[in-house]
């Protein structure tokens, strides 16, 4: 779960950078041009720029908080003892199903062979 949290943090950071870049581009565009839409572009670009900065600060705060608590250092995989115990419980069932499947495959092969040999004899 911790690796998933770190992945989400990185994706959120990249998304915040993208929005920051887009809002900066909109602000620069609206400063260069005069006329219809220029004022709206300045307002929207500035508003989104401020929101993306706040979002980046929030992501950095919670990412640092999780990092200092050691969340990113632990493995998300199952402890080895639990994995071995689960395999011990599942192995007999898996082997039984595999042998059952092999028996079905063997029966299908002998039936096909019998049918083939009967057709060969009748010719």
N, C-alpha and C. Protein backbone atom coordinates (compact mmCIF):
# COMPACT_ATOMS: atom_id res chain seq x y z
N UNK A 1 0.82 -1.19 0.00
CA UNK A 1 0.00 0.00 0.00
C UNK A 1 0.86 1.26 0.00
N UNK A 2 2.04 1.17 0.65
CA UNK A 2 2.89 2.34 0.74
C UNK A 2 3.47 2.71 -0.62
N UNK A 3 3.82 1.72 -1.42
CA UNK A 3 4.35 1.99 -2.75
C UNK A 3 3.26 2.62 -3.60
N UNK A 4 2.04 2.18 -3.42
CA UNK A 4 0.92 2.77 -4.14
C UNK A 4 0.76 4.24 -3.75
N UNK A 5 0.92 4.55 -2.46
CA UNK A 5 0.84 5.93 -1.99
C UNK A 5 1.94 6.77 -2.62
N UNK A 6 3.14 6.23 -2.70
CA UNK A 6 4.24 6.96 -3.31
C UNK A 6 3.98 7.18 -4.79
N UNK A 7 3.43 6.19 -5.46
CA UNK A 7 3.11 6.33 -6.88
C UNK A 7 2.07 7.42 -7.09
N UNK A 8 1.04 7.43 -6.27
CA UNK A 8 0.00 8.46 -6.37
C UNK A 8 0.61 9.84 -6.11
N UNK A 9 1.52 9.92 -5.16
CA UNK A 9 2.17 11.20 -4.87
C UNK A 9 2.96 11.70 -6.08
N UNK A 10 3.68 10.81 -6.73
CA UNK A 10 4.46 11.20 -7.91
C UNK A 10 3.55 11.61 -9.07
N UNK A 11 2.49 10.87 -9.28
CA UNK A 11 1.55 11.21 -10.35
C UNK A 11 0.89 12.56 -10.06
N UNK A 12 0.51 12.79 -8.82
CA UNK A 12 -0.10 14.06 -8.44
C UNK A 12 0.88 15.21 -8.64
N UNK A 13 2.13 15.00 -8.31
CA UNK A 13 3.14 16.04 -8.50
C UNK A 13 3.31 16.36 -9.98
N UNK A 14 3.37 15.34 -10.81
CA UNK A 14 3.50 15.58 -12.26
C UNK A 14 2.27 16.30 -12.81
N UNK A 15 1.11 15.93 -12.33
CA UNK A 15 -0.10 16.60 -12.76
C UNK A 15 -0.10 18.07 -12.32
N UNK A 16 0.35 18.34 -11.09
CA UNK A 16 0.42 19.71 -10.59
C UNK A 16 1.42 20.53 -11.41
N UNK A 17 2.56 19.92 -11.76
CA UNK A 17 3.53 20.62 -12.63
C UNK A 17 2.92 20.95 -13.99
N UNK A 18 2.17 20.01 -14.54
CA UNK A 18 1.53 20.24 -15.84
C UNK A 18 0.54 21.39 -15.78
N UNK A 19 -0.26 21.43 -14.73
CA UNK A 19 -1.24 22.51 -14.56
C UNK A 19 -0.52 23.83 -14.33
N UNK A 20 0.56 23.79 -13.57
CA UNK A 20 1.36 25.00 -13.34
C UNK A 20 1.92 25.53 -14.66
N UNK A 21 2.43 24.65 -15.49
CA UNK A 21 2.95 25.04 -16.79
C UNK A 21 1.85 25.61 -17.69
N UNK A 22 0.70 24.96 -17.71
CA UNK A 22 -0.41 25.45 -18.54
C UNK A 22 -0.90 26.81 -18.07
N UNK A 23 -1.00 26.99 -16.76
CA UNK A 23 -1.47 28.29 -16.25
C UNK A 23 -0.45 29.39 -16.52
N UNK A 24 0.83 29.07 -16.43
CA UNK A 24 1.87 30.04 -16.75
C UNK A 24 1.81 30.43 -18.22
N UNK A 25 1.59 29.44 -19.08
CA UNK A 25 1.46 29.71 -20.52
C UNK A 25 0.26 30.61 -20.79
N UNK A 26 -0.85 30.36 -20.11
CA UNK A 26 -2.04 31.19 -20.28
C UNK A 26 -1.80 32.62 -19.80
N UNK A 27 -1.11 32.77 -18.69
CA UNK A 27 -0.79 34.12 -18.18
C UNK A 27 0.10 34.86 -19.17
N UNK A 28 1.15 34.21 -19.65
CA UNK A 28 2.05 34.85 -20.61
C UNK A 28 1.31 35.22 -21.88
N UNK A 29 0.46 34.33 -22.38
CA UNK A 29 -0.32 34.64 -23.59
C UNK A 29 -1.22 35.86 -23.36
N UNK A 30 -1.90 35.88 -22.21
CA UNK A 30 -2.84 36.98 -21.96
C UNK A 30 -2.11 38.30 -21.72
N UNK A 31 -0.88 38.28 -21.26
CA UNK A 31 -0.11 39.51 -21.08
C UNK A 31 0.39 40.07 -22.41
N UNK A 32 0.60 39.22 -23.38
CA UNK A 32 1.10 39.67 -24.69
C UNK A 32 0.00 40.25 -25.57
N UNK A 33 -1.21 39.79 -25.38
CA UNK A 33 -2.30 40.22 -26.26
C UNK A 33 -3.28 41.11 -25.51
N UNK A 34 -3.84 42.03 -26.23
CA UNK A 34 -4.86 42.94 -25.70
C UNK A 34 -6.18 42.58 -26.35
N UNK A 35 -7.26 42.84 -25.69
CA UNK A 35 -8.56 42.65 -26.32
C UNK A 35 -9.41 41.62 -25.61
N UNK A 36 -10.36 41.08 -26.41
CA UNK A 36 -11.34 40.14 -25.88
C UNK A 36 -10.64 38.87 -25.37
N UNK A 37 -10.96 38.49 -24.15
CA UNK A 37 -10.43 37.26 -23.57
C UNK A 37 -9.12 37.44 -22.83
N UNK A 38 -8.47 38.56 -23.04
CA UNK A 38 -7.19 38.77 -22.38
C UNK A 38 -7.35 38.88 -20.87
N UNK A 39 -8.36 39.62 -20.42
CA UNK A 39 -8.60 39.78 -18.98
C UNK A 39 -9.02 38.45 -18.35
N UNK A 40 -9.89 37.72 -19.04
CA UNK A 40 -10.31 36.42 -18.54
C UNK A 40 -9.13 35.45 -18.47
N UNK A 41 -8.26 35.50 -19.47
CA UNK A 41 -7.07 34.65 -19.47
C UNK A 41 -6.15 34.95 -18.31
N UNK A 42 -5.98 36.24 -18.00
CA UNK A 42 -5.15 36.64 -16.86
C UNK A 42 -5.76 36.13 -15.56
N UNK A 43 -7.08 36.29 -15.42
CA UNK A 43 -7.75 35.87 -14.19
C UNK A 43 -7.69 34.35 -14.02
N UNK A 44 -8.09 33.63 -15.06
CA UNK A 44 -8.10 32.16 -14.97
C UNK A 44 -6.69 31.62 -14.79
N UNK A 45 -5.72 32.14 -15.54
CA UNK A 45 -4.34 31.70 -15.41
C UNK A 45 -3.80 31.94 -14.02
N UNK A 46 -4.08 33.11 -13.45
CA UNK A 46 -3.60 33.43 -12.10
C UNK A 46 -4.27 32.55 -11.05
N UNK A 47 -5.58 32.35 -11.20
CA UNK A 47 -6.33 31.54 -10.25
C UNK A 47 -5.83 30.09 -10.26
N UNK A 48 -5.66 29.53 -11.44
CA UNK A 48 -5.19 28.15 -11.56
C UNK A 48 -3.74 28.03 -11.11
N UNK A 49 -2.94 29.05 -11.38
CA UNK A 49 -1.55 29.05 -10.93
C UNK A 49 -1.48 28.98 -9.41
N UNK A 50 -2.28 29.79 -8.73
CA UNK A 50 -2.30 29.79 -7.26
C UNK A 50 -2.80 28.45 -6.72
N UNK A 51 -3.86 27.91 -7.33
CA UNK A 51 -4.37 26.60 -6.88
C UNK A 51 -3.34 25.49 -7.08
N UNK A 52 -2.61 25.52 -8.21
CA UNK A 52 -1.62 24.47 -8.45
C UNK A 52 -0.44 24.60 -7.48
N UNK A 53 -0.07 25.84 -7.13
CA UNK A 53 0.99 26.02 -6.13
C UNK A 53 0.55 25.48 -4.77
N UNK A 54 -0.69 25.79 -4.38
CA UNK A 54 -1.21 25.27 -3.11
C UNK A 54 -1.28 23.74 -3.13
N UNK A 55 -1.67 23.20 -4.25
CA UNK A 55 -1.74 21.74 -4.39
C UNK A 55 -0.35 21.13 -4.28
N UNK A 56 0.64 21.75 -4.90
CA UNK A 56 2.01 21.23 -4.81
C UNK A 56 2.54 21.30 -3.39
N UNK A 57 2.20 22.36 -2.67
CA UNK A 57 2.61 22.46 -1.26
C UNK A 57 1.95 21.36 -0.42
N UNK A 58 0.69 21.09 -0.69
CA UNK A 58 -0.02 20.04 0.03
C UNK A 58 0.58 18.66 -0.27
N UNK A 59 0.87 18.40 -1.53
CA UNK A 59 1.49 17.13 -1.92
C UNK A 59 2.85 16.98 -1.25
N UNK A 60 3.64 18.05 -1.27
CA UNK A 60 4.97 18.01 -0.66
C UNK A 60 4.88 17.78 0.85
N UNK A 61 3.93 18.44 1.50
CA UNK A 61 3.77 18.29 2.96
C UNK A 61 3.43 16.85 3.32
N UNK A 62 2.40 16.30 2.66
CA UNK A 62 1.99 14.94 3.01
C UNK A 62 3.01 13.90 2.54
N UNK A 63 3.69 14.16 1.44
CA UNK A 63 4.75 13.25 1.01
C UNK A 63 5.91 13.23 1.99
N UNK A 64 6.30 14.43 2.47
CA UNK A 64 7.37 14.50 3.46
C UNK A 64 6.95 13.86 4.77
N UNK A 65 5.70 14.09 5.16
CA UNK A 65 5.18 13.50 6.39
C UNK A 65 5.21 11.98 6.32
N UNK A 66 4.74 11.41 5.20
CA UNK A 66 4.77 9.95 5.04
C UNK A 66 6.20 9.43 5.00
N UNK A 67 7.09 10.17 4.35
CA UNK A 67 8.48 9.74 4.24
C UNK A 67 9.15 9.72 5.60
N UNK A 68 8.90 10.76 6.43
CA UNK A 68 9.52 10.79 7.76
C UNK A 68 8.97 9.71 8.68
N UNK A 69 7.74 9.27 8.43
CA UNK A 69 7.17 8.19 9.23
C UNK A 69 7.64 6.82 8.75
N UNK A 70 8.41 6.78 7.68
CA UNK A 70 8.96 5.53 7.18
C UNK A 70 8.01 4.74 6.31
N UNK A 71 6.98 5.39 5.81
CA UNK A 71 5.99 4.66 5.01
C UNK A 71 6.57 4.13 3.71
N UNK A 72 7.51 4.84 3.12
CA UNK A 72 8.02 4.43 1.82
C UNK A 72 9.12 3.38 1.92
N UNK A 73 9.59 3.11 3.13
CA UNK A 73 10.67 2.14 3.30
C UNK A 73 10.17 0.72 3.49
N UNK A 74 8.92 0.55 3.87
CA UNK A 74 8.41 -0.79 4.12
C UNK A 74 7.95 -1.43 2.82
N UNK A 75 8.06 -2.72 2.78
CA UNK A 75 7.63 -3.47 1.60
C UNK A 75 6.13 -3.69 1.66
N UNK A 76 5.50 -3.66 0.50
CA UNK A 76 4.06 -3.89 0.46
C UNK A 76 3.73 -5.35 0.27
N UNK A 77 4.76 -6.15 0.02
CA UNK A 77 4.48 -7.56 -0.21
C UNK A 77 4.16 -8.26 1.11
N UNK A 78 3.60 -9.43 0.97
CA UNK A 78 3.22 -10.23 2.12
C UNK A 78 4.48 -10.70 2.84
N UNK A 79 4.47 -10.72 4.17
CA UNK A 79 5.63 -11.26 4.89
C UNK A 79 5.90 -12.70 4.45
N UNK A 80 7.16 -13.09 4.44
CA UNK A 80 7.56 -14.40 3.92
C UNK A 80 6.89 -15.53 4.68
N UNK A 81 6.76 -15.40 6.00
CA UNK A 81 6.14 -16.46 6.78
C UNK A 81 4.69 -16.66 6.37
N UNK A 82 3.98 -15.55 6.16
CA UNK A 82 2.58 -15.62 5.77
C UNK A 82 2.45 -16.24 4.37
N UNK A 83 3.38 -15.88 3.48
CA UNK A 83 3.37 -16.43 2.12
C UNK A 83 3.60 -17.94 2.15
N UNK A 84 4.58 -18.39 2.96
CA UNK A 84 4.87 -19.82 3.04
C UNK A 84 3.70 -20.59 3.65
N UNK A 85 3.07 -20.02 4.68
CA UNK A 85 1.93 -20.67 5.31
C UNK A 85 0.77 -20.81 4.32
N UNK A 86 0.53 -19.76 3.55
CA UNK A 86 -0.55 -19.80 2.57
C UNK A 86 -0.25 -20.84 1.49
N UNK A 87 1.01 -20.93 1.06
CA UNK A 87 1.38 -21.91 0.04
C UNK A 87 1.23 -23.34 0.56
N UNK A 88 1.55 -23.57 1.83
CA UNK A 88 1.38 -24.90 2.41
C UNK A 88 -0.09 -25.31 2.41
N UNK A 89 -0.97 -24.36 2.67
CA UNK A 89 -2.40 -24.65 2.68
C UNK A 89 -2.93 -24.87 1.26
N UNK A 90 -2.42 -24.11 0.33
CA UNK A 90 -2.96 -24.16 -1.03
C UNK A 90 -2.35 -25.27 -1.88
N UNK A 91 -1.13 -25.69 -1.58
CA UNK A 91 -0.41 -26.63 -2.42
C UNK A 91 -1.16 -27.95 -2.61
N UNK A 92 -1.69 -28.59 -1.56
CA UNK A 92 -2.40 -29.85 -1.78
C UNK A 92 -3.61 -29.68 -2.70
N UNK A 93 -4.34 -28.59 -2.54
CA UNK A 93 -5.50 -28.35 -3.40
C UNK A 93 -5.06 -28.11 -4.85
N UNK A 94 -3.97 -27.37 -5.02
CA UNK A 94 -3.48 -27.10 -6.36
C UNK A 94 -3.00 -28.38 -7.03
N UNK A 95 -2.29 -29.22 -6.28
CA UNK A 95 -1.79 -30.48 -6.82
C UNK A 95 -2.95 -31.40 -7.19
N UNK A 96 -3.97 -31.44 -6.34
CA UNK A 96 -5.14 -32.28 -6.61
C UNK A 96 -5.83 -31.84 -7.90
N UNK A 97 -6.02 -30.54 -8.06
CA UNK A 97 -6.67 -30.03 -9.27
C UNK A 97 -5.81 -30.29 -10.51
N UNK A 98 -4.50 -30.17 -10.35
CA UNK A 98 -3.61 -30.41 -11.48
C UNK A 98 -3.65 -31.88 -11.89
N UNK A 99 -3.65 -32.79 -10.91
CA UNK A 99 -3.72 -34.22 -11.22
C UNK A 99 -5.07 -34.56 -11.85
N UNK A 100 -6.13 -33.93 -11.36
CA UNK A 100 -7.46 -34.15 -11.92
C UNK A 100 -7.49 -33.68 -13.38
N UNK A 101 -6.89 -32.54 -13.63
CA UNK A 101 -6.83 -32.00 -14.99
C UNK A 101 -6.00 -32.91 -15.90
N UNK A 102 -4.90 -33.42 -15.36
CA UNK A 102 -4.04 -34.33 -16.14
C UNK A 102 -4.81 -35.61 -16.47
N UNK A 103 -5.61 -36.09 -15.51
CA UNK A 103 -6.41 -37.29 -15.74
C UNK A 103 -7.43 -37.07 -16.85
N UNK A 104 -8.05 -35.90 -16.86
CA UNK A 104 -9.01 -35.57 -17.91
C UNK A 104 -8.32 -35.51 -19.27
N UNK A 105 -7.13 -34.93 -19.28
CA UNK A 105 -6.39 -34.82 -20.54
C UNK A 105 -5.98 -36.21 -21.04
N UNK A 106 -5.58 -37.08 -20.10
CA UNK A 106 -5.17 -38.43 -20.46
C UNK A 106 -6.37 -39.22 -21.01
N UNK A 107 -7.53 -39.07 -20.36
CA UNK A 107 -8.74 -39.74 -20.83
C UNK A 107 -9.12 -39.26 -22.22
N UNK A 108 -8.98 -37.97 -22.46
CA UNK A 108 -9.31 -37.44 -23.79
C UNK A 108 -8.36 -38.02 -24.84
N UNK A 109 -7.09 -38.17 -24.48
CA UNK A 109 -6.12 -38.72 -25.42
C UNK A 109 -6.41 -40.17 -25.74
N UNK A 110 -6.78 -40.97 -24.74
CA UNK A 110 -7.06 -42.38 -25.00
C UNK A 110 -8.35 -42.54 -25.79
N UNK A 111 -9.32 -41.67 -25.52
CA UNK A 111 -10.57 -41.74 -26.29
C UNK A 111 -10.31 -41.38 -27.74
N UNK A 112 -9.49 -40.37 -27.98
CA UNK A 112 -9.18 -40.00 -29.36
C UNK A 112 -8.40 -41.12 -30.03
N UNK A 113 -7.47 -41.73 -29.29
CA UNK A 113 -6.68 -42.83 -29.85
C UNK A 113 -7.55 -44.02 -30.18
N UNK A 114 -8.51 -44.33 -29.32
CA UNK A 114 -9.42 -45.46 -29.57
C UNK A 114 -10.27 -45.17 -30.79
N UNK A 115 -10.79 -43.95 -30.86
CA UNK A 115 -11.62 -43.60 -32.01
C UNK A 115 -10.80 -43.66 -33.30
N UNK A 116 -9.56 -43.23 -33.22
CA UNK A 116 -8.71 -43.24 -34.40
C UNK A 116 -8.39 -44.67 -34.81
N UNK A 117 -8.10 -45.55 -33.80
CA UNK A 117 -7.76 -46.92 -34.14
C UNK A 117 -8.99 -47.66 -34.69
N UNK A 118 -10.20 -47.37 -34.18
CA UNK A 118 -11.39 -48.00 -34.70
C UNK A 118 -11.65 -47.56 -36.15
N UNK A 119 -11.40 -46.30 -36.41
CA UNK A 119 -11.65 -45.82 -37.78
C UNK A 119 -10.62 -46.43 -38.73
N UNK A 120 -9.42 -46.68 -38.24
CA UNK A 120 -8.38 -47.25 -39.06
C UNK A 120 -8.69 -48.72 -39.36
N UNK A 121 -9.25 -49.45 -38.39
CA UNK A 121 -9.57 -50.86 -38.56
C UNK A 121 -10.74 -51.02 -39.54
N UNK A 122 -11.71 -50.13 -39.46
CA UNK A 122 -12.89 -50.29 -40.32
C UNK A 122 -12.58 -50.02 -41.78
N UNK A 123 -11.50 -49.37 -42.08
CA UNK A 123 -11.19 -49.07 -43.47
C UNK A 123 -10.62 -50.25 -44.11
